[in-house]
Amino acid sequence: MGSSKPWLATVLPVLNEENHIEACLNSLLHQSLPADEHMILVMDGGSTDATREIIQSMMSNLDGDKHPTLVYHENPGRFVPHARNLAMQHLPESITHVLEFNGHIEADVDHLLKLKTTWNRLETDHPTIAGLGCRVVGYESDDSVVESILDATLKNPLGGSSGQFAVFDCEGQTNVPAFTLHRRSALETVGGWDEAFITSQDSDLSMRLIKQGFTLFRTPDVVVKMRRRTSFKSWFLMSHRYGFWRTKVLLKHPRRVVLREFLPLFGLLGTIALLLVEPTYAVFPIALYATVLAISGVLNVKRGITHLIGVPFALVLLHVGFSLGLVDGLLRKGGASRDR
């Protein structure tokens, strides 16, 4: 890796990211990795705000010797998998690796260099490596009250996941790396991203790569900061969307199942069954759930009194939304998301 220049392309699907795109691009344009090793492809899915103008203004002010090449393309397909597949058609032959990104995350200055170093080390013992993911954290320092509550919720054992929002401390193999550095040839082997998946396209891609004999890794030493949702409504809609598309992934890849993601649904169904059979006994699971929620609030009160109620409330929204999405995924086809 690194003998051809540029060898790395960061693909950045965007849609109405005027509030975050400048900070996002600046974090990529000012990396410690030599500028001529890297290029950035922004794929715009039809932004109606100032996203395009901000990007074009930044492009006009770049120094070709100090900054990586920044390229802008329209994405007629609008969605993330369409953007990434289209970007693959525009890559120079020198590109050997492709990095997933989006318009509301930021990377530290040594993000790309750390990915390169870690990849080279892992590749020595794992020549079939096809992807290397990172850890995703919130901003914390300048987020809103709702963002802070949702960030705390995602760090809670009842609110985390094994995928993009996973909390982990050890480097190792995984089925679901986040914001992944991919080997281009591996992507081409499996045909890129499945455009039927408007969400969870990365999970589907990872499962197809594994089926082809590739290995995927993640490391906690490489971190991106991601903006959380700013309202409980969008949080609920996101939870429903993730549940909906999780079902679609599981129908195609049953081995992707994570049983703890079904615990809220099983708990709800079990409680309903108890209510029908012996209502007195239903008090116990309800009381247990309420106790766990209360403890989650108390453990986060140091981040603000609003977290005492906010974290339990966000957990309930997450569990209800995700569970409804799981069921909904069995009943209908997918459509465009409404939570951004």
Protein backbone atom coordinates (compact mmCIF):
# COMPACT_ATOMS: atom_id res chain seq x y z
CA MET A 1 0.00 0.00 0.00
CA GLY A 2 1.25 3.48 -0.83
CA SER A 3 3.47 2.74 -3.83
CA SER A 4 0.94 4.23 -6.25
CA LYS A 5 -0.30 7.79 -5.77
CA PRO A 6 -3.05 8.42 -4.95
CA TRP A 7 -3.78 4.97 -3.53
CA LEU A 8 -6.70 6.02 -1.33
CA ALA A 9 -10.09 7.52 -2.20
CA THR A 10 -12.53 8.71 0.44
CA VAL A 11 -16.10 8.50 -0.86
CA LEU A 12 -18.45 10.99 0.77
CA PRO A 13 -22.19 10.67 -0.01
CA VAL A 14 -24.01 13.84 1.06
CA LEU A 15 -27.52 15.26 1.13
CA ASN A 16 -28.33 18.62 2.73
CA GLU A 17 -25.27 18.74 4.98
CA GLU A 18 -24.74 22.52 5.00
CA ASN A 19 -24.33 22.56 8.79
CA HIS A 20 -21.52 20.02 8.87
CA ILE A 21 -19.91 19.58 5.45
CA GLU A 22 -17.23 22.26 5.85
CA ALA A 23 -15.94 20.80 9.11
CA CYS A 24 -16.13 17.30 7.66
CA LEU A 25 -14.12 18.18 4.55
CA ASN A 26 -11.60 20.23 6.49
CA SER A 27 -10.88 17.20 8.66
CA LEU A 28 -10.10 15.21 5.49
CA LEU A 29 -8.21 17.96 3.69
CA HIS A 30 -5.76 18.50 6.53
CA GLN A 31 -4.58 14.98 7.22
CA SER A 32 -1.03 13.99 8.16
CA LEU A 33 -1.07 11.48 5.30
CA PRO A 34 0.75 13.06 2.33
CA ALA A 35 -1.77 14.90 0.17
CA ASP A 36 -0.74 13.15 -3.05
CA GLU A 37 -1.66 9.75 -1.58
CA HIS A 38 -5.30 10.68 -1.10
CA MET A 39 -8.32 11.96 -3.01
CA ILE A 40 -11.87 12.83 -1.93
CA LEU A 41 -15.02 12.20 -3.97
CA VAL A 42 -18.13 14.04 -2.79
CA MET A 43 -21.30 12.46 -4.18
CA ASP A 44 -24.29 14.81 -3.82
CA GLY A 45 -27.71 13.16 -3.81
CA GLY A 46 -29.56 16.33 -4.75
CA SER A 47 -29.00 18.76 -1.90
CA THR A 48 -31.45 21.65 -1.78
CA ASP A 49 -29.58 23.67 0.83
CA ALA A 50 -26.13 25.32 0.56
CA THR A 51 -24.16 22.07 0.57
CA ARG A 52 -23.12 22.33 -3.08
CA GLU A 53 -22.08 25.96 -2.83
CA ILE A 54 -19.96 25.29 0.27
CA ILE A 55 -18.18 22.41 -1.43
CA GLN A 56 -17.53 24.36 -4.62
CA SER A 57 -16.20 27.31 -2.63
CA MET A 58 -13.81 25.03 -0.80
CA MET A 59 -12.67 23.44 -4.06
CA SER A 60 -11.80 26.81 -5.53
CA ASN A 61 -9.56 27.67 -2.58
CA LEU A 62 -7.50 24.48 -2.42
CA ASP A 63 -3.75 24.37 -2.84
CA GLY A 64 -2.93 21.37 -5.02
CA ASP A 65 0.44 20.85 -3.34
CA LYS A 66 -0.90 20.97 0.22
CA HIS A 67 -4.31 19.34 -0.11
CA PRO A 68 -5.62 16.12 -1.64
CA THR A 69 -7.71 16.32 -4.79
CA LEU A 70 -11.36 17.13 -4.06
CA VAL A 71 -13.88 16.05 -6.70
CA TYR A 72 -17.62 16.77 -6.82
CA HIS A 73 -20.16 14.55 -8.58
CA GLU A 74 -23.94 14.49 -8.76
CA ASN A 75 -25.55 11.27 -7.53
CA PRO A 76 -28.78 10.74 -9.51
CA GLY A 77 -29.56 7.63 -7.46
CA ARG A 78 -29.71 9.87 -4.36
CA PHE A 79 -28.86 7.22 -1.77
CA VAL A 80 -25.62 6.01 -0.19
CA PRO A 81 -25.15 2.69 -2.07
CA HIS A 82 -25.79 4.44 -5.39
CA ALA A 83 -23.22 7.09 -4.51
CA ARG A 84 -20.55 4.58 -3.61
CA ASN A 85 -21.10 2.44 -6.69
CA LEU A 86 -21.04 5.51 -8.91
CA ALA A 87 -17.85 6.71 -7.25
CA MET A 88 -16.17 3.39 -8.05
CA GLN A 89 -16.69 4.18 -11.75
CA HIS A 90 -14.78 7.46 -11.40
CA LEU A 91 -11.73 6.16 -9.53
CA PRO A 92 -8.28 6.36 -11.13
CA GLU A 93 -6.48 3.05 -11.68
CA SER A 94 -3.98 3.91 -8.96
CA ILE A 95 -6.65 3.69 -6.24
CA THR A 96 -6.28 0.44 -4.31
CA HIS A 97 -8.36 1.34 -1.24
CA VAL A 98 -11.69 3.08 -0.69
CA LEU A 99 -12.78 4.71 2.57
CA GLU A 100 -16.43 5.09 3.60
CA PHE A 101 -17.35 8.48 5.08
CA ASN A 102 -20.36 10.74 5.43
CA GLY A 103 -21.06 14.43 5.74
CA HIS A 104 -21.70 14.61 9.49
CA ILE A 105 -18.56 12.98 10.83
CA GLU A 106 -15.07 14.37 11.40
CA ALA A 107 -11.71 12.65 11.64
CA ASP A 108 -8.60 13.47 13.65
CA VAL A 109 -5.60 14.73 11.71
CA ASP A 110 -3.85 11.35 11.81
CA HIS A 111 -6.93 9.29 10.93
CA LEU A 112 -5.80 8.17 7.49
CA LEU A 113 -2.21 7.55 8.50
CA LYS A 114 -3.36 5.38 11.41
CA LEU A 115 -5.61 3.40 9.08
CA LYS A 116 -2.73 2.87 6.67
CA THR A 117 -0.33 1.78 9.43
CA THR A 118 -2.85 -0.56 11.03
CA TRP A 119 -3.83 -2.07 7.68
CA ASN A 120 -0.22 -2.80 6.73
CA ARG A 121 0.39 -4.46 10.10
CA LEU A 122 -2.75 -6.61 9.91
CA GLU A 123 -2.17 -7.56 6.30
CA THR A 124 1.10 -9.27 7.22
CA ASP A 125 -0.77 -11.96 9.16
CA HIS A 126 -4.13 -11.69 7.40
CA PRO A 127 -3.61 -11.42 3.63
CA THR A 128 -7.36 -11.82 3.01
CA ILE A 129 -8.21 -8.60 4.86
CA ALA A 130 -10.79 -6.63 2.88
CA GLY A 131 -11.91 -4.01 5.37
CA LEU A 132 -10.78 -2.11 8.45
CA GLY A 133 -13.31 -0.18 10.53
CA CYS A 134 -12.96 2.36 13.30
CA ARG A 135 -14.71 3.42 16.51
CA VAL A 136 -17.51 6.02 16.37
CA VAL A 137 -17.99 8.53 19.18
CA GLY A 138 -20.10 11.63 19.74
CA TYR A 139 -18.80 15.19 19.99
CA GLU A 140 -19.67 15.69 23.69
CA SER A 141 -17.90 19.07 23.95
CA ASP A 142 -20.32 21.12 21.84
CA ASP A 143 -23.42 18.99 21.37
CA SER A 144 -26.97 19.94 22.30
CA VAL A 145 -28.85 18.49 25.26
CA VAL A 146 -30.63 15.96 23.04
CA GLU A 147 -27.38 14.97 21.30
CA SER A 148 -25.73 14.49 24.68
CA ILE A 149 -28.61 12.32 25.89
CA LEU A 150 -28.52 10.21 22.74
CA ASP A 151 -24.75 9.84 22.95
CA ALA A 152 -25.13 8.57 26.53
CA THR A 153 -27.89 6.22 25.37
CA LEU A 154 -25.66 4.68 22.70
CA LYS A 155 -22.96 4.05 25.31
CA ASN A 156 -25.46 2.25 27.52
CA PRO A 157 -25.42 -1.58 27.31
CA LEU A 158 -29.15 -1.42 26.53
CA GLY A 159 -28.65 1.13 23.77
CA GLY A 160 -25.51 0.10 21.93
CA SER A 161 -25.18 -2.25 19.01
CA SER A 162 -22.67 -4.52 17.36
CA GLY A 163 -22.47 -2.30 14.29
CA GLN A 164 -21.82 1.37 13.66
CA PHE A 165 -22.52 2.40 17.25
CA ALA A 166 -20.59 -0.43 18.90
CA VAL A 167 -18.56 0.37 22.02
CA PHE A 168 -15.37 -1.72 21.93
CA ASP A 169 -11.83 -1.53 23.28
CA CYS A 170 -9.97 -4.35 21.52
CA GLU A 171 -8.77 -4.67 17.96
CA GLY A 172 -9.94 -7.77 16.14
CA GLN A 173 -12.09 -9.38 13.50
CA THR A 174 -15.70 -8.31 13.13
CA ASN A 175 -18.73 -8.84 10.92
CA VAL A 176 -19.71 -5.17 10.95
CA PRO A 177 -16.89 -2.60 10.76
CA ALA A 178 -17.89 1.08 10.78
CA PHE A 179 -16.74 3.73 8.27
CA THR A 180 -14.52 1.14 6.72
CA LEU A 181 -11.34 1.29 4.70
CA HIS A 182 -11.94 -1.30 1.96
CA ARG A 183 -9.67 -3.03 -0.48
CA ARG A 184 -10.90 -1.94 -3.90
CA SER A 185 -10.36 -5.34 -5.53
CA ALA A 186 -12.49 -7.00 -2.83
CA LEU A 187 -15.32 -4.55 -3.48
CA GLU A 188 -15.13 -5.31 -7.19
CA THR A 189 -15.14 -9.05 -6.48
CA VAL A 190 -18.53 -8.88 -4.74
CA GLY A 191 -20.00 -6.28 -7.08
CA GLY A 192 -19.95 -3.30 -4.72
CA TRP A 193 -22.94 -2.21 -2.66
CA ASP A 194 -26.42 -3.68 -3.11
CA GLU A 195 -28.59 -0.72 -4.11
CA ALA A 196 -31.71 -2.49 -2.81
CA PHE A 197 -30.51 -1.58 0.70
CA ILE A 198 -31.21 2.11 1.28
CA THR A 199 -29.95 1.55 4.83
CA SER A 200 -27.76 -1.28 6.19
CA GLN A 201 -25.97 -1.54 2.85
CA ASP A 202 -22.68 -1.78 4.77
CA SER A 203 -23.91 -4.74 6.80
CA ASP A 204 -25.01 -6.52 3.64
CA LEU A 205 -21.68 -5.76 1.96
CA SER A 206 -19.73 -7.09 4.94
CA MET A 207 -21.65 -10.35 4.95
CA ARG A 208 -21.04 -10.84 1.22
CA LEU A 209 -17.33 -10.15 1.64
CA ILE A 210 -17.11 -12.72 4.44
CA LYS A 211 -18.96 -15.27 2.31
CA GLN A 212 -16.31 -14.75 -0.37
CA GLY A 213 -13.57 -15.65 2.13
CA PHE A 214 -12.40 -12.15 3.02
CA THR A 215 -11.75 -11.00 6.59
CA LEU A 216 -12.85 -7.76 8.22
CA PHE A 217 -11.30 -5.97 11.19
CA ARG A 218 -11.95 -3.00 13.43
CA THR A 219 -9.66 -1.01 15.70
CA PRO A 220 -10.48 1.29 18.65
CA ASP A 221 -7.30 3.28 17.97
CA VAL A 222 -8.86 5.02 14.96
CA VAL A 223 -11.85 7.21 15.84
CA VAL A 224 -14.37 9.42 14.05
CA LYS A 225 -16.67 11.93 15.72
CA MET A 226 -20.26 11.67 14.56
CA ARG A 227 -23.13 14.08 15.02
CA ARG A 228 -26.05 12.49 16.85
CA ARG A 229 -29.71 13.16 16.10
CA THR A 230 -30.95 16.50 17.43
CA SER A 231 -34.55 15.52 18.25
CA PHE A 232 -36.28 12.57 19.85
CA LYS A 233 -38.56 12.31 16.83
CA SER A 234 -35.68 11.73 14.44
CA TRP A 235 -34.15 9.32 16.97
CA PHE A 236 -37.36 7.25 16.98
CA LEU A 237 -37.57 7.29 13.19
CA MET A 238 -33.93 6.26 12.93
CA SER A 239 -34.54 3.40 15.39
CA HIS A 240 -37.47 2.20 13.31
CA ARG A 241 -35.42 2.44 10.12
CA TYR A 242 -32.55 0.44 11.58
CA GLY A 243 -34.96 -2.26 12.77
CA PHE A 244 -36.70 -2.36 9.40
CA TRP A 245 -33.49 -2.81 7.45
CA ARG A 246 -32.05 -5.23 10.01
CA THR A 247 -34.90 -7.57 9.11
CA LYS A 248 -34.08 -7.16 5.40
CA VAL A 249 -30.44 -8.02 6.08
CA LEU A 250 -31.38 -11.05 8.20
CA LEU A 251 -33.71 -12.37 5.52
CA LYS A 252 -30.73 -12.36 3.15
CA HIS A 253 -28.02 -13.19 5.72
CA PRO A 254 -29.44 -15.20 8.67
CA ARG A 255 -25.96 -15.50 10.18
CA ARG A 256 -26.00 -11.74 10.84
CA VAL A 257 -28.48 -12.26 13.72
CA VAL A 258 -27.59 -10.77 17.11
CA LEU A 259 -30.00 -12.15 19.69
CA ARG A 260 -29.73 -9.23 22.13
CA GLU A 261 -31.20 -6.92 19.47
CA PHE A 262 -34.41 -8.97 19.76
CA LEU A 263 -34.63 -8.82 23.56
CA PRO A 264 -36.99 -5.79 23.66
CA LEU A 265 -39.30 -7.47 21.16
CA PHE A 266 -39.19 -10.79 23.01
CA GLY A 267 -39.77 -8.96 26.30
CA LEU A 268 -42.79 -7.15 24.90
CA LEU A 269 -44.29 -10.32 23.45
CA GLY A 270 -43.64 -12.20 26.68
CA THR A 271 -45.27 -9.47 28.74
CA ILE A 272 -48.30 -9.44 26.48
CA ALA A 273 -48.56 -13.22 26.84
CA LEU A 274 -48.43 -12.94 30.63
CA LEU A 275 -51.10 -10.26 30.59
CA LEU A 276 -53.36 -12.60 28.65
CA VAL A 277 -52.61 -15.69 30.74
CA GLU A 278 -51.89 -14.38 34.24
CA PRO A 279 -51.87 -10.56 34.54
CA THR A 280 -50.34 -10.65 38.02
CA TYR A 281 -47.10 -12.13 36.71
CA ALA A 282 -46.77 -9.41 34.07
CA VAL A 283 -45.84 -7.00 36.83
CA PHE A 284 -42.42 -8.62 37.21
CA PRO A 285 -40.97 -8.01 33.71
CA ILE A 286 -42.47 -4.51 33.67
CA ALA A 287 -40.95 -3.71 37.07
CA LEU A 288 -37.58 -5.15 36.03
CA TYR A 289 -37.50 -3.09 32.85
CA ALA A 290 -38.51 0.06 34.72
CA THR A 291 -35.79 -0.55 37.30
CA VAL A 292 -33.11 -0.99 34.66
CA LEU A 293 -34.25 2.19 32.93
CA ALA A 294 -34.15 4.10 36.21
CA ILE A 295 -30.62 2.87 36.92
CA SER A 296 -29.55 3.97 33.43
CA GLY A 297 -30.83 7.47 34.19
CA VAL A 298 -29.10 7.65 37.57
CA LEU A 299 -25.78 6.51 36.13
CA ASN A 300 -25.88 9.40 33.64
CA VAL A 301 -27.10 12.16 35.93
CA LYS A 302 -23.52 13.45 36.25
CA ARG A 303 -23.81 14.62 32.64
CA GLY A 304 -26.81 16.75 33.55
CA ILE A 305 -30.10 16.46 35.40
CA THR A 306 -31.87 16.14 32.04
CA HIS A 307 -30.15 12.79 31.54
CA LEU A 308 -31.96 11.33 34.54
CA ILE A 309 -35.18 11.24 32.53
CA GLY A 310 -33.77 11.71 29.03
CA VAL A 311 -31.68 8.52 28.83
CA PRO A 312 -34.52 6.19 29.97
CA PHE A 313 -36.89 7.97 27.58
CA ALA A 314 -34.43 7.60 24.68
CA LEU A 315 -33.95 3.91 25.51
CA VAL A 316 -37.70 3.31 25.38
CA LEU A 317 -37.93 5.10 22.02
CA LEU A 318 -35.01 3.05 20.72
CA HIS A 319 -36.45 -0.28 21.85
CA VAL A 320 -39.97 0.47 20.62
CA GLY A 321 -38.84 1.95 17.32
CA PHE A 322 -36.36 -0.83 16.56
CA SER A 323 -38.82 -3.58 17.51
CA LEU A 324 -41.59 -2.08 15.40
CA GLY A 325 -39.10 -1.80 12.56
CA LEU A 326 -38.18 -5.48 12.85
CA VAL A 327 -41.82 -6.44 12.42
CA ASP A 328 -42.44 -3.83 9.74
CA GLY A 329 -39.54 -5.25 7.75
CA LEU A 330 -41.47 -8.47 7.35
CA LEU A 331 -44.55 -6.72 6.02
CA ARG A 332 -43.46 -4.28 3.34
CA LYS A 333 -40.71 -3.16 1.01
CA GLY A 334 -38.26 -0.42 1.92
CA GLY A 335 -38.57 3.24 1.08
CA ALA A 336 -36.62 6.45 1.59
CA SER A 337 -35.84 7.39 5.17
CA ARG A 338 -37.52 10.36 6.78
CA ASP A 339 -35.26 10.82 9.79
CA ARG A 340 -32.73 13.23 8.27
